[in-house]
Protein backbone atom coordinates (compact mmCIF):
# COMPACT_ATOMS: atom_id res chain seq x y z
CA UNK A 1 4.18 -8.78 -19.67
CA UNK A 2 4.43 -6.20 -22.16
CA UNK A 3 7.39 -6.04 -24.79
CA UNK A 4 8.92 -3.24 -22.88
CA UNK A 5 13.00 -4.13 -22.75
CA UNK A 6 14.03 -2.42 -26.47
CA UNK A 7 17.08 -0.06 -26.11
CA UNK A 8 14.84 3.03 -25.27
CA UNK A 9 12.86 1.46 -22.36
CA UNK A 10 16.21 0.54 -21.29
CA UNK A 11 17.70 3.89 -21.46
CA UNK A 12 14.77 5.98 -20.14
CA UNK A 13 14.10 3.54 -16.95
CA UNK A 14 17.13 2.81 -16.22
CA UNK A 15 17.80 6.75 -15.66
CA UNK A 16 14.40 6.50 -13.11
CA UNK A 17 14.59 6.45 -9.61
CA UNK A 18 17.38 7.75 -6.62
CA UNK A 19 19.63 9.64 -8.22
CA UNK A 20 22.56 8.94 -5.31
CA UNK A 21 24.63 11.37 -3.55
CA UNK A 22 27.03 12.46 -6.47
CA UNK A 23 23.84 13.63 -8.30
CA UNK A 24 22.56 15.50 -5.21
CA UNK A 25 23.91 18.52 -2.88
CA UNK A 26 22.19 21.17 -1.11
CA UNK A 27 23.14 24.59 -1.97
CA UNK A 28 25.32 27.23 -0.46
CA UNK A 29 22.54 29.14 0.25
CA UNK A 30 21.92 30.09 4.27
CA UNK A 31 20.25 27.15 6.02
CA UNK A 32 17.27 29.55 6.91
CA UNK A 33 16.60 30.12 3.45
CA UNK A 34 17.09 26.66 2.98
CA UNK A 35 14.55 25.45 5.26
CA UNK A 36 12.34 27.95 4.39
CA UNK A 37 11.54 26.64 1.14
CA UNK A 38 10.73 23.24 2.32
CA UNK A 39 6.96 21.95 2.33
CA UNK A 40 5.59 20.21 4.97
CA UNK A 41 4.71 16.95 4.20
CA UNK A 42 3.04 15.33 7.07
CA UNK A 43 0.40 13.43 5.23
CA UNK A 44 2.13 10.20 4.27
CA UNK A 45 0.72 7.29 2.93
CA UNK A 46 0.46 4.30 5.21
CA UNK A 47 2.43 1.98 3.24
CA UNK A 48 5.62 4.46 4.26
CA UNK A 49 4.00 5.15 7.83
CA UNK A 50 3.91 1.57 8.33
CA UNK A 51 7.14 0.46 6.92
CA UNK A 52 8.96 3.33 9.45
CA UNK A 53 6.71 2.40 12.16
CA UNK A 54 7.86 -1.23 11.92
CA UNK A 55 11.99 0.10 11.63
CA UNK A 56 12.19 2.46 14.47
CA UNK A 57 10.19 0.10 16.94
CA UNK A 58 12.60 -2.23 16.55
CA UNK A 59 15.59 -0.23 16.69
CA UNK A 60 14.47 1.71 19.87
CA UNK A 61 11.41 -0.59 21.66
CA UNK A 62 9.89 0.12 24.76
CA UNK A 63 11.76 -1.38 27.63
CA UNK A 64 9.52 -1.68 30.50
CA UNK A 65 12.26 -3.44 32.29
CA UNK A 66 14.10 -0.80 32.88
CA UNK A 67 11.55 1.15 34.85
CA UNK A 68 12.26 -0.56 38.47
CA UNK A 69 15.92 0.19 37.96
CA UNK A 70 16.05 3.60 36.45
CA UNK A 71 12.98 5.01 36.52
CA UNK A 72 9.12 5.55 33.98
CA UNK A 73 11.32 8.00 31.90
CA UNK A 74 13.34 4.95 30.41
CA UNK A 75 10.54 2.91 29.50
CA UNK A 76 9.08 4.56 26.15
CA UNK A 77 10.13 3.64 22.52
CA UNK A 78 10.13 5.53 19.39
CA UNK A 79 6.52 5.32 18.67
CA UNK A 80 5.82 6.77 21.81
CA UNK A 81 7.19 9.99 20.58
CA UNK A 82 6.29 9.50 16.51
CA UNK A 83 9.85 8.74 15.79
CA UNK A 84 8.93 7.68 12.51
CA UNK A 85 7.46 10.75 11.22
CA UNK A 86 11.31 12.48 12.15
CA UNK A 87 12.94 9.75 9.92
CA UNK A 88 10.55 10.07 7.17
CA UNK A 89 10.91 13.93 7.05
CA UNK A 90 14.41 13.71 7.32
CA UNK A 91 14.77 11.78 4.38
CA UNK A 92 12.37 13.57 2.71
CA UNK A 93 14.38 17.00 3.04
CA UNK A 94 17.77 15.80 2.84
CA UNK A 95 18.88 16.06 -0.81
CA UNK A 96 17.70 18.95 -2.92
CA UNK A 97 18.25 18.79 -6.77
CA UNK A 98 19.49 21.99 -8.88
CA UNK A 99 16.97 23.06 -11.75
CA UNK A 100 20.23 24.55 -13.49
CA UNK A 101 21.92 21.20 -13.94
CA UNK A 102 18.76 19.36 -15.43
CA UNK A 103 19.13 18.76 -18.90
CA UNK A 104 15.99 19.61 -20.80
CA UNK A 105 14.44 16.26 -22.36
CA UNK A 106 14.25 17.31 -25.81
CA UNK A 107 18.05 17.65 -25.80
CA UNK A 108 19.14 14.13 -24.58
CA UNK A 109 20.11 11.35 -26.79
CA UNK A 110 20.53 7.82 -25.41
CA UNK A 111 23.75 7.71 -23.08
CA UNK A 112 24.73 11.40 -24.29
CA UNK A 113 24.18 14.55 -21.69
CA UNK A 114 25.49 17.88 -22.02
CA UNK A 115 28.61 18.39 -19.68
CA UNK A 116 27.69 18.00 -16.16
CA UNK A 117 24.02 18.17 -16.94
CA UNK A 118 21.37 15.59 -15.76
CA UNK A 119 18.72 13.57 -17.20
CA UNK A 120 15.86 14.64 -15.37
CA UNK A 121 14.41 11.16 -15.70
CA UNK A 122 16.95 9.89 -13.10
CA UNK A 123 14.53 11.17 -10.40
CA UNK A 124 11.19 10.10 -11.84
CA UNK A 125 9.32 6.43 -11.57
CA UNK A 126 5.94 5.10 -12.49
CA UNK A 127 4.95 1.83 -10.84
CA UNK A 128 1.38 0.45 -11.23
CA UNK A 129 0.65 -2.51 -9.28
CA UNK A 130 -3.18 -2.91 -9.76
CA UNK A 131 -3.30 -4.62 -13.18
CA UNK A 132 -0.78 -7.25 -12.96
CA UNK A 133 -0.21 -10.77 -11.64
CA UNK A 134 2.03 -9.75 -8.59
CA UNK A 135 3.67 -6.73 -7.45
CA UNK A 136 7.39 -8.07 -8.94
CA UNK A 137 5.68 -8.37 -12.28
CA UNK A 138 4.77 -4.41 -11.87
CA UNK A 139 8.04 -3.89 -11.13
CA UNK A 140 9.26 -5.83 -14.27
CA UNK A 141 6.85 -3.82 -16.45
CA UNK A 142 9.42 -0.86 -15.95
CA UNK A 143 12.77 -2.52 -15.55
CA UNK A 144 15.62 -1.85 -18.34
CA UNK A 145 15.89 -5.85 -18.35
CA UNK A 146 13.65 -8.79 -18.16
CA UNK A 147 13.81 -9.84 -14.93
CA UNK A 148 12.70 -13.09 -15.06
CA UNK A 149 15.87 -14.03 -17.28
CA UNK A 150 18.57 -12.30 -14.69
CA UNK A 151 17.09 -13.11 -11.26
CA UNK A 152 17.41 -17.03 -10.44
CA UNK A 153 14.93 -16.51 -7.66
CA UNK A 154 12.19 -14.59 -9.48
CA UNK A 155 9.64 -16.91 -8.84
CA UNK A 156 10.46 -17.30 -4.82
CA UNK A 157 11.00 -13.70 -4.82
CA UNK A 158 7.61 -13.15 -6.68
CA UNK A 159 6.13 -14.92 -4.06
CA UNK A 160 7.34 -13.20 -1.10
CA UNK A 161 7.19 -9.62 -2.16
CA UNK A 162 4.54 -7.22 -0.96
CA UNK A 163 4.40 -3.68 -1.36
CA UNK A 164 1.08 -3.57 1.15
CA UNK A 165 -1.64 -1.19 0.33
CA UNK A 166 0.17 0.87 -2.70
CA UNK A 167 -1.59 0.59 -6.04
CA UNK A 168 0.32 3.10 -7.71
CA UNK A 169 3.46 4.83 -7.07
CA UNK A 170 4.56 8.10 -8.99
CA UNK A 171 8.03 10.61 -8.43
CA UNK A 172 7.83 12.97 -11.12
CA UNK A 173 9.43 16.49 -11.18
CA UNK A 174 6.74 19.29 -11.01
CA UNK A 175 9.01 22.09 -12.75
CA UNK A 176 8.56 23.13 -16.61
CA UNK A 177 12.19 22.45 -17.51
CA UNK A 178 11.78 23.62 -21.37
CA UNK A 179 11.75 27.26 -19.11
CA UNK A 180 15.30 29.03 -17.97
CA UNK A 181 14.69 28.18 -14.90
CA UNK A 182 17.64 28.10 -11.60
CA UNK A 183 17.16 26.97 -7.97
CA UNK A 184 15.73 23.94 -6.19
CA UNK A 185 13.47 21.36 -8.47
CA UNK A 186 9.95 20.53 -7.11
CA UNK A 187 8.58 16.99 -6.59
CA UNK A 188 5.06 16.00 -6.80
CA UNK A 189 4.71 12.29 -5.21
CA UNK A 190 1.49 10.54 -5.47
CA UNK A 191 0.67 6.87 -3.59
CA UNK A 192 -2.66 5.40 -4.66
CA UNK A 193 -4.11 2.91 -1.98
CA UNK A 194 -7.22 1.24 -2.77
CA UNK A 195 -9.29 3.72 -0.58
CA UNK A 196 -7.18 6.86 -0.89
CA UNK A 197 -4.59 9.14 -2.54
CA UNK A 198 -1.86 10.69 -1.03
CA UNK A 199 -0.27 13.46 -3.20
CA UNK A 200 2.60 15.99 -1.60
CA UNK A 201 4.55 18.29 -3.76
CA UNK A 202 8.63 18.56 -1.94
CA UNK A 203 11.33 20.71 -2.87
CA UNK A 204 13.78 17.96 -2.33
CA UNK A 205 13.93 14.39 -3.74
CA UNK A 206 11.09 12.56 -1.49
CA UNK A 207 13.67 9.27 -0.52
CA UNK A 208 11.30 7.81 2.31
CA UNK A 209 8.34 6.08 0.47
CA UNK A 210 10.49 5.45 -2.39
CA UNK A 211 13.07 3.70 -0.03
CA UNK A 212 10.19 1.79 1.66
CA UNK A 213 9.54 -0.35 -1.48
CA UNK A 214 13.07 -1.11 -1.64
CA UNK A 215 13.10 -2.26 1.96
CA UNK A 216 10.30 -4.48 1.19
CA UNK A 217 12.36 -6.12 -1.86
CA UNK A 218 15.40 -6.59 0.66
CA UNK A 219 12.92 -8.47 2.94
CA UNK A 220 11.31 -10.29 0.00
CA UNK A 221 14.69 -11.67 -0.76
CA UNK A 222 15.80 -12.52 2.63
CA UNK A 223 12.68 -15.00 2.70
CA UNK A 224 13.37 -16.10 -0.93
CA UNK A 225 16.84 -16.99 -0.01
CA UNK A 226 18.05 -20.38 1.41
CA UNK A 227 19.61 -20.93 4.75
CA UNK A 228 18.86 -17.02 5.93
CA UNK A 229 16.29 -18.46 8.67
CA UNK A 230 13.87 -15.56 7.87
CA UNK A 231 10.60 -16.21 7.25
CA UNK A 232 7.00 -14.13 7.45
CA UNK A 233 5.68 -14.09 10.59
CA UNK A 234 1.87 -14.49 11.45
CA UNK A 235 3.04 -12.90 15.23
CA UNK A 236 4.71 -9.64 14.02
CA UNK A 237 2.83 -6.76 15.12
CA UNK A 238 1.99 -4.83 12.24
CA UNK A 239 1.09 -1.07 13.05
CA UNK A 240 -1.78 -1.19 10.32
CA UNK A 241 -2.76 -2.50 7.39
CA UNK A 242 -0.70 -0.76 5.00
CA UNK A 243 2.75 -2.21 5.02
CA UNK A 244 4.51 -4.66 2.94
CA UNK A 245 6.76 -7.23 3.33
CA UNK A 246 9.28 -5.39 5.62
CA UNK A 247 6.52 -5.26 7.92
CA UNK A 248 5.58 -8.66 8.21
CA UNK A 249 8.71 -9.89 9.74
CA UNK A 250 9.67 -10.20 13.30
CA UNK A 251 11.56 -7.32 14.68
CA UNK A 252 14.65 -8.93 14.69
CA UNK A 253 14.44 -10.16 11.31
CA UNK A 254 13.91 -6.87 9.95
CA UNK A 255 17.49 -5.70 11.34
CA UNK A 256 18.82 -9.14 9.98
CA UNK A 257 16.89 -8.57 6.30
CA UNK A 258 18.46 -4.91 6.20
CA UNK A 259 22.38 -6.30 7.73
CA UNK A 260 22.17 -8.42 4.33
CA UNK A 261 22.60 -4.77 2.33
CA UNK A 262 25.69 -4.68 4.55
CA UNK A 263 26.90 -8.00 4.69
CA UNK A 264 26.91 -10.19 1.60
CA UNK A 265 26.38 -9.85 -2.00
CA UNK A 266 22.84 -8.54 -2.07
CA UNK A 267 23.46 -5.81 -3.95
CA UNK A 268 25.01 -7.20 -6.76
CA UNK A 269 22.94 -9.79 -6.98
CA UNK A 270 19.65 -7.75 -6.87
CA UNK A 271 21.27 -4.78 -9.26
CA UNK A 272 18.77 -5.49 -11.94
CA UNK A 273 15.77 -4.64 -9.89
CA UNK A 274 17.17 -2.57 -7.33
CA UNK A 275 18.29 -0.20 -10.08
CA UNK A 276 14.59 0.37 -11.16
CA UNK A 277 14.47 2.24 -7.82
CA UNK A 278 18.12 3.22 -7.01
CA UNK A 279 20.46 3.25 -10.18
CA UNK A 280 23.30 3.09 -7.84
CA UNK A 281 22.45 0.27 -5.19
CA UNK A 282 25.79 1.33 -3.23
CA UNK A 283 23.83 4.11 -1.82
CA UNK A 284 21.68 2.03 0.47
CA UNK A 285 24.73 0.84 2.84
CA UNK A 286 25.18 4.77 3.70
CA UNK A 287 21.35 4.93 3.94
CA UNK A 288 21.37 2.33 6.37
CA UNK A 289 24.14 4.11 8.82
CA UNK A 290 21.94 7.26 7.99
CA UNK A 291 18.62 5.62 9.40
CA UNK A 292 20.39 4.54 12.61
CA UNK A 293 21.94 7.73 12.97
CA UNK A 294 18.34 9.86 12.62
CA UNK A 295 16.84 7.30 15.17
CA UNK A 296 19.16 8.25 17.82
CA UNK A 297 19.22 11.94 16.58
CA UNK A 298 15.46 12.49 16.58
CA UNK A 299 14.87 10.30 20.29
CA UNK A 300 17.34 12.31 22.28
CA UNK A 301 16.79 15.81 20.76
CA UNK A 302 14.02 18.22 21.40
CA UNK A 303 12.02 17.30 18.66
CA UNK A 304 9.31 15.41 20.96
CA UNK A 305 8.54 18.39 22.31
CA UNK A 306 7.41 20.10 19.13
CA UNK A 307 3.59 19.04 19.24
CA UNK A 308 1.65 19.52 15.72
CA UNK A 309 4.52 21.30 14.54
CA UNK A 310 7.01 18.39 14.24
CA UNK A 311 6.85 18.07 10.74
CA UNK A 312 6.96 21.77 9.93
CA UNK A 313 10.04 22.95 8.64
CA UNK A 314 12.50 23.92 11.38
CA UNK A 315 12.08 28.00 11.17
CA UNK A 316 8.05 27.13 12.13
CA UNK A 317 8.09 24.70 14.89
CA UNK A 318 7.11 25.90 18.10
CA UNK A 319 8.22 24.02 21.61
CA UNK A 320 4.93 23.16 23.41
CA UNK A 321 6.66 21.05 25.99
CA UNK A 322 8.92 21.93 28.72
CA UNK A 323 12.51 21.11 28.20
CA UNK A 324 12.99 18.62 31.15
CA UNK A 325 9.48 16.54 30.03
CA UNK A 326 10.80 15.73 26.57
CA UNK A 327 11.56 12.16 26.29
CA UNK A 328 15.16 11.84 25.66
CA UNK A 329 15.68 15.04 27.60
CA UNK A 330 14.21 13.36 30.48
CA UNK A 331 16.08 10.28 30.17
CA UNK A 332 19.59 11.78 30.10
CA UNK A 333 18.96 14.77 32.69
CA UNK A 334 19.29 17.44 30.57
CA UNK A 335 17.10 20.40 31.19
CA UNK A 336 17.26 22.17 28.00
CA UNK A 337 19.33 24.87 26.67
CA UNK A 338 20.73 26.55 29.49
CA UNK A 339 23.93 29.08 30.12
CA UNK A 340 27.38 27.11 30.46
CA UNK A 341 25.96 24.13 30.66
CA UNK A 342 27.02 20.90 28.74
CA UNK A 343 30.21 21.70 26.84
CA UNK A 344 33.71 19.93 25.85
CA UNK A 345 33.59 16.66 28.21
CA UNK A 346 37.55 16.15 27.03
CA UNK A 347 38.43 19.15 29.28
CA UNK A 348 36.83 18.05 32.14
CA UNK A 349 38.11 14.47 32.29
CA UNK A 350 41.46 13.33 33.22
CA UNK A 351 43.44 12.83 30.01
CA UNK A 352 41.63 16.19 28.54
CA UNK A 353 43.20 18.63 26.70
CA UNK A 354 43.65 22.37 27.01
CA UNK A 355 43.07 24.76 24.09
CA UNK A 356 46.34 25.91 22.22
CA UNK A 357 46.57 29.56 21.54
CA UNK A 358 44.70 31.01 18.72
CA UNK A 359 48.09 31.69 17.18
CA UNK A 360 48.99 28.35 16.83
CA UNK A 361 46.20 27.11 15.08
CA UNK A 362 46.83 26.38 11.47
CA UNK A 363 43.85 26.92 9.64
CA UNK A 364 43.33 26.98 5.72
CA UNK A 365 42.47 30.03 4.42
CA UNK A 366 39.06 28.48 2.30
CA UNK A 367 36.91 27.09 5.23
CA UNK A 368 33.74 25.83 2.39
CA UNK A 369 32.47 23.33 4.24
CA UNK A 370 32.68 19.47 2.63
CA UNK A 371 28.74 20.03 1.84
CA UNK A 372 29.24 22.22 -0.94
CA UNK A 373 29.78 20.69 -4.19
CA UNK A 374 31.27 22.75 -6.40
CA UNK A 375 29.73 23.18 -10.31
CA UNK A 376 26.62 20.83 -8.76
CA UNK A 377 25.55 22.44 -5.56
CA UNK A 378 26.98 25.90 -6.29
CA UNK A 379 30.15 26.30 -4.43
CA UNK A 380 30.68 28.87 -1.79
CA UNK A 381 31.06 32.34 -2.51
């Protein structure tokens, strides 16, 4: 291990990785303009693909036992409609980083940033697992502290942690920060495997691949910790050979491992390790809720009917499947958009309510949505 835990390295590396919800926001541009700016990122590395396939498969598995009672349209699960690609796309396109809020690197002093500005290294990470003894050793090379001294279970965690096909992982800002630019930052993501290099340029922070490494760490800690009953499984159904520790757990253990983020002190205990990727590990609790919600949204939306245009920006998607044949629609009997079809059910059942007269509605003068963050996201005009 190289001697890289000095004050300067600590400052630089601690600021790398995922910025957190408070640091990023969508601007107040129109939805059409924002979506058009996004870049298609459909070609994803095998580690990321396998990780999210193994995740959505356990959230929404195939259910052949339901066929006899409810019909064949209740059998397909997440993998049958490629739901993993939906989750990856949404994670990669959910948060925008504004160039006007990134400080010029040459003006940054340790722990001293200009008012309301962010260190650009907060959103960058470079990890190389190809020339070290283990994947955890590779993380230790860029950690702000020596993980061997702050993680009591370093040895057992090192044995359990595996990033699968990932040999090199990099996220870098692809803009000239010395120029006077504004607007969303563009990120270059590179993942190298033994046989191929995957590169995408995205005008949004690329969460998906970075978080897939985090899920491996969480799974490894579940294996390394006593009394969890979670261990590597020789019978787990890995989709391909690119996945890491997370994919090597049985389905129920994948969910149990992730639930430890909510139900234990894992985020505190692993803070020195997780902060290499997620400077504010607490955000992982919210991301877990987001993953669960996204799986349901994607499965029951029309997304499965977009064919090869699934991962294009929404304004460039074309529906290629009849609405009543789309998986989620066929399960629920929803025929697709139709005039006067589904409306607010509370008006149609006993105990529902009548709309009050418009004159009695007490609405604020400022109807700016809660997704606009002043000073960071631009503020509403």
